[in-house]
Amino acid sequence: MMMVLPIQFRNSWDSQLLRALPLVTRDRTIVHMEQKQTETGKVVILHGFTNEQIFAVVKATRHMLGSEVDVAFATTTEHSMQMKLQDVITDVSQEHAYMKDHPPGSDTPEK
């Protein structure tokens, strides 16, 4: 079964977010949905959030899962909204893997 994280937000948009996501409750799981194992990693795709809300969701997710769980985060774009979900997940996973191996600023020009 897929676990739903108990997330507690402290910002003013808490109640709006929680009403939009009625499945986010303490110690609950989504029944009848099994997480399939794929070659992609864990991916969180966000749509319609402000930058402040995105950072809060990322921070809360990382806090709840811990540093040992590798999660890729992405927001939707006009292009991704037209793609199949599996294609978006694959693209996000590949970009995440690349960025882990090549963090910004790590590529120094050779002399």
Protein backbone atom coordinates (compact mmCIF):
# COMPACT_ATOMS: atom_id res chain seq x y z
CA MET A 1 0.00 0.00 0.00
CA MET A 2 1.06 3.58 -0.56
CA MET A 3 1.68 5.57 2.62
CA VAL A 4 0.28 9.08 2.90
CA LEU A 5 2.60 11.31 4.88
CA PRO A 6 1.20 13.17 7.87
CA ILE A 7 2.28 16.71 7.00
CA GLN A 8 1.74 19.65 9.31
CA PHE A 9 2.00 23.08 7.68
CA ARG A 10 2.40 26.32 9.56
CA ASN A 11 1.64 28.83 6.81
CA SER A 12 -1.63 30.62 6.17
CA TRP A 13 -2.51 28.36 3.26
CA ASP A 14 -2.66 25.26 5.51
CA SER A 15 -6.40 24.86 5.57
CA GLN A 16 -6.75 25.50 1.83
CA LEU A 17 -4.13 22.87 1.03
CA LEU A 18 -5.53 20.32 3.42
CA ARG A 19 -9.05 20.78 2.05
CA ALA A 20 -7.67 20.24 -1.45
CA LEU A 21 -5.89 17.09 -0.29
CA PRO A 22 -8.42 15.23 1.86
CA LEU A 23 -6.28 12.08 1.94
CA VAL A 24 -3.52 13.81 3.90
CA THR A 25 -4.35 12.68 7.42
CA ARG A 26 -2.36 11.23 10.26
CA ASP A 27 -1.61 7.51 10.06
CA ARG A 28 -3.78 6.81 7.01
CA THR A 29 -3.01 4.87 3.89
CA ILE A 30 -4.54 4.85 0.45
CA VAL A 31 -6.27 1.50 0.15
CA HIS A 32 -6.38 -0.43 -3.14
CA MET A 33 -3.36 1.39 -4.58
CA GLU A 34 -0.16 -0.57 -4.75
CA GLN A 35 3.09 1.10 -5.53
CA LYS A 36 4.62 -0.55 -8.59
CA GLN A 37 8.36 -0.98 -8.74
CA THR A 38 9.85 0.73 -11.76
CA GLU A 39 13.29 1.78 -12.89
CA THR A 40 12.48 5.34 -11.84
CA GLY A 41 12.88 6.62 -8.34
CA LYS A 42 10.48 8.49 -6.09
CA VAL A 43 9.00 11.58 -7.76
CA VAL A 44 6.78 14.36 -6.42
CA ILE A 45 5.08 16.49 -9.07
CA LEU A 46 3.51 19.76 -7.94
CA HIS A 47 0.97 21.83 -9.84
CA GLY A 48 -0.58 25.18 -9.01
CA PHE A 49 1.52 26.01 -5.96
CA THR A 50 3.30 29.29 -5.24
CA ASN A 51 7.08 29.23 -4.80
CA GLU A 52 6.64 29.59 -1.03
CA GLN A 53 4.27 26.62 -0.97
CA ILE A 54 6.60 24.52 -3.14
CA PHE A 55 9.51 25.10 -0.77
CA ALA A 56 7.28 24.24 2.21
CA VAL A 57 6.14 20.97 0.59
CA VAL A 58 9.73 20.03 -0.33
CA LYS A 59 10.95 20.83 3.19
CA ALA A 60 8.10 18.92 4.85
CA THR A 61 8.56 15.90 2.58
CA ARG A 62 12.31 15.75 3.17
CA HIS A 63 11.76 16.15 6.91
CA MET A 64 9.18 13.34 7.04
CA LEU A 65 11.11 10.90 4.83
CA GLY A 66 14.58 11.67 6.14
CA SER A 67 17.80 12.25 4.25
CA GLU A 68 18.25 8.58 3.30
CA VAL A 69 15.24 8.65 0.94
CA ASP A 70 16.05 10.13 -2.46
CA VAL A 71 13.13 12.08 -3.92
CA ALA A 72 12.96 14.10 -7.13
CA PHE A 73 10.66 17.13 -7.11
CA ALA A 74 9.19 18.84 -10.16
CA THR A 75 6.54 21.36 -11.05
CA THR A 76 4.33 21.11 -14.07
CA THR A 77 4.97 23.07 -17.24
CA GLU A 78 2.81 23.66 -20.29
CA HIS A 79 4.81 20.94 -22.04
CA SER A 80 4.60 18.40 -19.21
CA MET A 81 0.82 18.89 -18.96
CA GLN A 82 0.54 17.46 -22.49
CA MET A 83 2.75 14.43 -21.76
CA LYS A 84 1.84 11.01 -20.43
CA LEU A 85 2.44 10.78 -16.70
CA GLN A 86 4.94 7.92 -17.10
CA ASP A 87 6.96 10.05 -19.55
CA VAL A 88 7.01 12.95 -17.08
CA ILE A 89 8.14 10.66 -14.26
CA THR A 90 10.87 9.17 -16.45
CA ASP A 91 12.11 12.62 -17.53
CA VAL A 92 12.13 13.95 -13.98
CA SER A 93 13.95 10.85 -12.71
CA GLN A 94 16.59 11.10 -15.43
CA GLU A 95 17.15 14.81 -14.79
CA HIS A 96 17.39 14.15 -11.05
CA ALA A 97 19.96 11.39 -11.55
CA TYR A 98 22.00 13.64 -13.85
CA MET A 99 21.91 16.54 -11.37
CA LYS A 100 23.01 14.23 -8.55
CA ASP A 101 26.02 13.14 -10.62
CA HIS A 102 26.68 16.67 -11.95
CA PRO A 103 25.65 19.22 -9.31
CA PRO A 104 25.64 22.87 -10.42
CA GLY A 105 29.09 24.38 -10.04
CA SER A 106 30.87 21.01 -9.84
CA ASP A 107 32.04 21.08 -13.44
CA THR A 108 35.20 23.13 -13.42
CA PRO A 109 36.88 23.85 -16.73
CA GLU A 110 40.07 21.92 -17.26
CA LYS A 111 43.22 23.96 -17.76
